[in-house]
């Protein structure tokens, strides 16, 4: 049985766990739209397959697939990955999917945020998005968990929690007037408290330079564990990312979390700026209302956009000199997990990376 609830997770004693806590599984959505993914999404499908296969080393993996792509996905994915039919508009389940919450007894529930494709008709990335807006409750129904309908436009990539009452986000995204124009900063903090059981919100100013999501936190900073944060960085003072990361570092090192701890911040140097090539641009269908993919445009490449799985870290590599230092740093930060680097460029070309295309489901008893 799965039903909508009229209370809030906080009132019911539920919280959003940290991503580093144990998972019962992971969800993804299969890419196919040719106005976002080049060459009919075939290169992206291979990249998604690599990500799903890596995550499945540590936890059950489910791929939501449209009716038109069901047989193709079934053929491309390993047999131990569950493939379910699920209509959607695009494949960013971190943002349109459910945020799972859990209580002390291990009961699992989901939060269904309002979704408007990163800005609706004022800067949103595509139209329509009505099928994406149904994904969270579809997942809840499949998993037979009750869900809360949160009256807040929010994407899952715009929040990162430590599981102990602290949340990271950016003002660039959550305070963007194309999300919740009638809400103040205090209103949004209260809503985060009610639906995630958060006691303290740490606000960074901006996300990664040129990030089309309006600066999602999961591309610039994330919790490694309570009290420890990883931050994307560059030493190049002429790069527009430098001032953004410098400001974020100053805010993070000046902050304390919900437990009163000072944060330990680890810098991970970004790759060389990734620019869209002519071949990549010409491989994407041009459709009015969809985000264009223009030759020479800088993409929001970052090593922070990794997935923390059971026993694994799945990170993007860009065939860049910074790939190996980033891998080594993640190995140092996660000594108990296997670091798996998969090609990230094809996912980045669609507007995000590994964290953006995945959604963890905490280990619970449903």
Foldseek 3Di string as FASTA:
>chain_A
DAAEDDAACLVVAKAQAALQAAFQEKEWEAFAAQQQFFPRCPVVNLQVQVLQVQQVVFHAYEYEYAPVCQVVNCVSHPVSHHYDHADFDGIQCQFLAWRWIAHPQQAIETEQEAEQQLQNPHLHAFPDGVSSSCHHVVVCVVVVHYYYYQDWHTTNLQWGDQRPQEIEGECQRRVPCSTPVVDDPVRVVVSCCRHRVHDYYQYQHAAFPPQSSSHGPQQAKYDLHPQEMEGEAAPDPVDPRHVSRVSVVVSQQVDAGPVRHRHHYHYQYWFDWDFQAPVRQVRGDDDPRHDHRDGGDTFRGGQSNWRNHRQEIETEDDPGPSRVVNQVVVCVSCVRHHYHYGHFPSVRSSRGGDNSRMHTHHRGDD
